[in-house]
Protein backbone atom coordinates (compact mmCIF):
# COMPACT_ATOMS: atom_id res chain seq x y z
CA MET A 1 -2.55 39.93 -28.65
CA GLU A 2 -2.84 39.00 -24.97
CA LEU A 3 -2.74 41.77 -22.39
CA LYS A 4 0.03 40.90 -19.93
CA SER A 5 1.25 44.29 -18.72
CA ILE A 6 -0.84 47.36 -17.91
CA ALA A 7 0.18 50.84 -16.75
CA PHE A 8 -1.67 53.75 -15.21
CA ILE A 9 -1.23 57.50 -15.00
CA PRO A 10 -3.63 58.19 -12.09
CA ASP A 11 -4.24 61.84 -12.93
CA GLY A 12 -6.70 64.35 -11.51
CA ASN A 13 -6.49 64.09 -7.72
CA ARG A 14 -6.06 67.84 -7.23
CA ARG A 15 -8.84 68.74 -9.66
CA TYR A 16 -11.11 66.19 -8.03
CA ALA A 17 -10.53 67.88 -4.65
CA GLN A 18 -11.79 71.15 -6.12
CA LYS A 19 -14.73 69.48 -7.82
CA ALA A 20 -15.80 67.53 -4.73
CA ARG A 21 -14.98 70.41 -2.38
CA ILE A 22 -12.79 68.29 -0.19
CA SER A 23 -9.26 68.82 1.06
CA LEU A 24 -6.30 67.88 -1.09
CA LEU A 25 -5.22 65.44 1.61
CA GLU A 26 -8.57 63.67 1.50
CA SER A 27 -8.45 63.51 -2.29
CA TYR A 28 -4.99 61.93 -2.19
CA LYS A 29 -6.24 59.39 0.35
CA LEU A 30 -9.11 58.50 -1.99
CA GLY A 31 -6.66 58.24 -4.87
CA THR A 32 -4.46 55.87 -2.91
CA GLN A 33 -7.42 53.67 -2.05
CA LYS A 34 -8.42 53.71 -5.72
CA ALA A 35 -5.07 52.12 -6.62
CA TRP A 36 -5.84 49.24 -4.25
CA ASP A 37 -9.32 49.00 -5.80
CA VAL A 38 -7.74 48.70 -9.24
CA LEU A 39 -5.57 45.82 -8.06
CA ASP A 40 -8.71 44.10 -6.75
CA TRP A 41 -10.45 44.64 -10.11
CA LEU A 42 -7.50 43.21 -12.01
CA VAL A 43 -7.73 39.88 -10.18
CA LYS A 44 -10.32 38.68 -12.69
CA TYR A 45 -7.72 39.16 -15.46
CA PRO A 46 -5.14 36.53 -14.44
CA GLN A 47 -3.20 36.98 -17.69
CA ILE A 48 -2.14 40.46 -16.51
CA LYS A 49 1.08 39.87 -14.60
CA VAL A 50 2.50 43.40 -14.36
CA GLY A 51 0.90 46.66 -13.25
CA THR A 52 2.82 49.95 -13.24
CA PHE A 53 1.56 53.13 -11.58
CA TYR A 54 2.91 56.66 -12.06
CA THR A 55 3.01 57.53 -8.37
CA LEU A 56 5.09 60.71 -8.23
CA SER A 57 7.07 62.43 -10.97
CA LEU A 58 10.34 64.31 -10.56
CA GLU A 59 8.45 67.44 -11.57
CA ASN A 60 6.08 66.94 -8.63
CA PHE A 61 8.94 67.79 -6.28
CA SER A 62 8.44 71.43 -7.25
CA ARG A 63 5.08 71.44 -5.47
CA GLY A 64 4.63 73.18 -2.14
CA ARG A 65 6.33 71.87 0.98
CA LEU A 66 3.04 71.16 2.76
CA GLU A 67 1.65 69.19 -0.18
CA LEU A 68 4.81 67.11 -0.47
CA HIS A 69 4.79 66.49 3.28
CA ALA A 70 1.21 65.22 3.02
CA LEU A 71 2.11 62.96 0.08
CA PHE A 72 5.14 61.54 1.89
CA LYS A 73 3.03 60.89 4.98
CA ILE A 74 0.38 59.01 2.99
CA PHE A 75 3.02 57.07 1.12
CA GLY A 76 4.80 56.09 4.32
CA ARG A 77 1.57 54.87 5.86
CA GLU A 78 0.76 52.79 2.80
CA LEU A 79 4.23 51.25 2.81
CA ASP A 80 3.73 50.22 6.44
CA ALA A 81 0.38 48.60 5.57
CA ILE A 82 1.37 46.69 2.42
CA ASN A 83 1.94 43.38 4.15
CA GLU A 84 -1.42 43.69 5.89
CA LYS A 85 -3.27 43.78 2.56
CA PRO A 86 -4.71 40.29 1.87
CA ILE A 87 -4.32 40.71 -1.90
CA VAL A 88 -0.52 40.90 -1.59
CA GLU A 89 -0.23 37.36 -0.27
CA GLU A 90 -3.23 35.95 -2.15
CA GLN A 91 -1.96 37.16 -5.53
CA LYS A 92 1.73 36.82 -4.67
CA ILE A 93 2.53 40.44 -5.57
CA ALA A 94 6.11 41.70 -5.60
CA PHE A 95 6.52 45.48 -5.29
CA LYS A 96 9.22 47.40 -7.14
CA PHE A 97 10.05 51.11 -6.94
CA LEU A 98 11.26 52.91 -10.07
CA GLY A 99 12.89 56.32 -10.00
CA ARG A 100 15.45 58.49 -8.28
CA LEU A 101 14.66 57.16 -4.84
CA ASP A 102 17.45 59.20 -3.25
CA LYS A 103 15.19 62.24 -3.63
CA PHE A 104 13.07 60.96 -0.74
CA PRO A 105 13.60 61.23 3.02
CA GLN A 106 15.88 58.49 4.34
CA LYS A 107 13.08 56.86 6.32
CA LEU A 108 10.95 56.47 3.20
CA GLN A 109 13.90 55.04 1.28
CA GLU A 110 14.36 52.44 4.01
CA LYS A 111 10.68 51.53 3.91
CA MET A 112 10.77 51.11 0.13
CA ARG A 113 13.80 48.83 0.37
CA SER A 114 12.09 46.84 3.11
CA VAL A 115 8.90 46.34 1.06
CA GLU A 116 10.93 45.21 -1.97
CA GLU A 117 12.82 42.72 0.17
CA GLN A 118 9.72 41.43 1.99
CA THR A 119 7.81 40.81 -1.24
CA SER A 120 10.73 39.65 -3.39
CA GLN A 121 9.72 35.98 -3.16
CA ASN A 122 6.28 36.71 -4.63
CA LYS A 123 6.51 35.56 -8.24
CA LYS A 124 2.95 35.65 -9.60
CA HIS A 125 2.48 39.39 -10.13
CA THR A 126 4.59 42.55 -10.05
CA VAL A 127 3.43 46.04 -9.14
CA ASN A 128 5.84 48.81 -10.14
CA LEU A 129 5.52 52.19 -8.47
CA ALA A 130 7.21 54.92 -10.52
CA ILE A 131 8.14 57.42 -7.84
CA GLY A 132 10.58 60.29 -8.17
CA TYR A 133 10.32 59.29 -11.80
CA ASN A 134 10.77 60.87 -15.21
CA GLY A 135 11.22 58.85 -18.39
CA GLN A 136 13.96 61.06 -19.81
CA ALA A 137 15.81 60.97 -16.50
CA GLU A 138 15.57 57.18 -16.54
CA ILE A 139 17.23 57.06 -19.97
CA VAL A 140 19.95 59.49 -18.85
CA ASP A 141 20.64 57.42 -15.73
CA ALA A 142 20.80 54.26 -17.86
CA ALA A 143 23.31 55.91 -20.21
CA LYS A 144 25.43 56.93 -17.23
CA ARG A 145 25.49 53.35 -15.94
CA ILE A 146 26.52 52.10 -19.37
CA ALA A 147 29.26 54.75 -19.60
CA GLU A 148 30.54 53.83 -16.14
CA GLN A 149 30.74 50.13 -17.00
CA TYR A 150 32.45 50.90 -20.31
CA LYS A 151 34.94 53.17 -18.55
CA ASN A 152 35.81 50.35 -16.16
CA ASN A 153 36.20 47.83 -19.02
CA ARG A 154 33.18 45.86 -17.86
CA LEU A 155 31.14 46.33 -21.03
CA GLN A 156 31.56 46.03 -24.79
CA LEU A 157 29.49 48.67 -26.57
CA GLU A 158 28.77 46.43 -29.55
CA LYS A 159 26.76 44.21 -27.21
CA ILE A 160 24.34 47.02 -26.37
CA ASP A 161 21.13 46.79 -28.38
CA GLU A 162 17.53 47.70 -27.57
CA SER A 163 17.05 44.55 -25.51
CA ALA A 164 20.28 44.89 -23.58
CA PHE A 165 19.63 48.60 -22.92
CA LYS A 166 16.52 47.70 -20.91
CA ASN A 167 18.74 46.04 -18.32
CA TYR A 168 20.09 49.48 -17.39
CA LEU A 169 16.70 51.08 -16.81
CA TYR A 170 15.20 51.33 -13.32
CA GLY A 171 13.45 48.00 -13.83
CA ASN A 172 13.40 45.41 -16.60
CA PHE A 173 9.78 44.29 -16.80
CA ALA A 174 7.25 43.45 -19.48
CA GLU A 175 6.61 46.63 -21.44
CA PRO A 176 3.03 47.88 -21.01
CA ASP A 177 0.62 46.57 -23.61
CA LEU A 178 -2.00 49.07 -22.44
CA LEU A 179 -1.44 52.45 -20.80
CA ILE A 180 -4.42 54.19 -19.19
CA ARG A 181 -4.53 57.84 -18.14
CA THR A 182 -7.42 59.39 -16.24
CA SER A 183 -8.61 63.04 -16.12
CA GLY A 184 -9.09 63.40 -19.89
CA THR A 185 -5.57 64.76 -20.39
CA GLN A 186 -4.06 63.16 -23.50
CA ARG A 187 -0.32 63.00 -23.01
CA LEU A 188 2.16 60.68 -21.30
CA SER A 189 3.97 63.33 -19.24
CA GLY A 190 7.29 61.51 -19.28
CA PHE A 191 5.88 58.16 -18.15
CA LEU A 192 7.73 55.06 -19.35
CA THR A 193 9.27 56.98 -22.25
CA TYR A 194 11.39 54.05 -23.42
CA GLN A 195 8.96 51.25 -22.55
CA SER A 196 5.78 52.73 -24.03
CA ALA A 197 6.98 52.85 -27.66
CA TYR A 198 4.27 50.42 -28.79
CA SER A 199 1.80 50.67 -25.91
CA GLU A 200 -1.86 51.06 -26.74
CA LEU A 201 -3.18 54.24 -25.12
CA CYS A 202 -6.50 54.82 -23.40
CA PHE A 203 -7.59 58.21 -22.03
CA ILE A 204 -10.54 58.21 -19.61
CA ASN A 205 -12.45 61.43 -19.02
CA LYS A 206 -12.75 60.95 -15.26
CA PHE A 207 -10.53 62.04 -12.43
CA TRP A 208 -8.61 59.18 -10.81
CA PRO A 209 -10.73 58.99 -7.62
CA GLU A 210 -13.83 58.70 -9.86
CA LEU A 211 -12.58 55.65 -11.77
CA GLU A 212 -14.96 52.70 -11.66
CA GLU A 213 -14.51 49.01 -12.33
CA SER A 214 -16.64 49.31 -15.45
CA ASP A 215 -14.18 51.92 -16.84
CA LEU A 216 -11.32 49.46 -16.46
CA ASP A 217 -13.35 46.65 -17.99
CA CYS A 218 -14.23 48.87 -20.95
CA ALA A 219 -10.58 49.83 -21.51
CA ILE A 220 -9.45 46.21 -21.39
CA GLY A 221 -12.29 45.16 -23.67
CA ASP A 222 -11.37 47.87 -26.16
CA PHE A 223 -7.76 46.70 -26.09
CA GLY A 224 -8.94 43.25 -27.12
CA GLU A 225 -10.49 44.73 -30.27
CA ARG A 226 -7.35 46.52 -31.43
CA GLN A 227 -4.82 45.18 -33.90
CA ARG A 228 -1.20 45.60 -32.86
CA ARG A 229 1.26 45.48 -35.77
CA PHE A 230 4.40 46.88 -34.07
CA GLY A 231 5.28 48.72 -37.28
CA LYS A 232 5.12 45.59 -39.42
């Protein structure tokens, strides 16, 4: 089965900061750069059209004010720099943001909308950033949208099946064939709860900033050796 969609839970930035004895801010900066590195590494796999990154969960909003401020600052800077990254134009990457975006400061929301609009004509690859995201919340929000349309006589419930339901999620994209989590933790933590039903899972015992190209190559190579039956 060809690998067309890949997803990442880039876990371990805080633990890496402790291990490397660097500041949390510096570790997050390294983690952000690692995401760009991963996109560079994926270029040699042209069959992979979709990459989805768990950028910030809803639960992360319970972290300290200073940490969130640092994360928002890094995120804002990266949003400003997206169009300056050569890979965006070279690989024709469209960026999408998945989650409860209204949780973010207005200025960040505007920047996210701007990036989506500016890259919307790029049709070769899609990068989804799950931010302010939780898989159960996504399903709840989808159910609310369905209920609202039904209430307003804009929807017939008998037409809702598994395929149609996906249209009400934050984004309708190719479900991940392979989902990779770093840090050695072996759980999905609410990431792509609906979409990951038949994803192959790979857990790498390295913190996200430590990830190397050979780790990604190994995970993709291992995927190629697996047999996917989808319950059949």
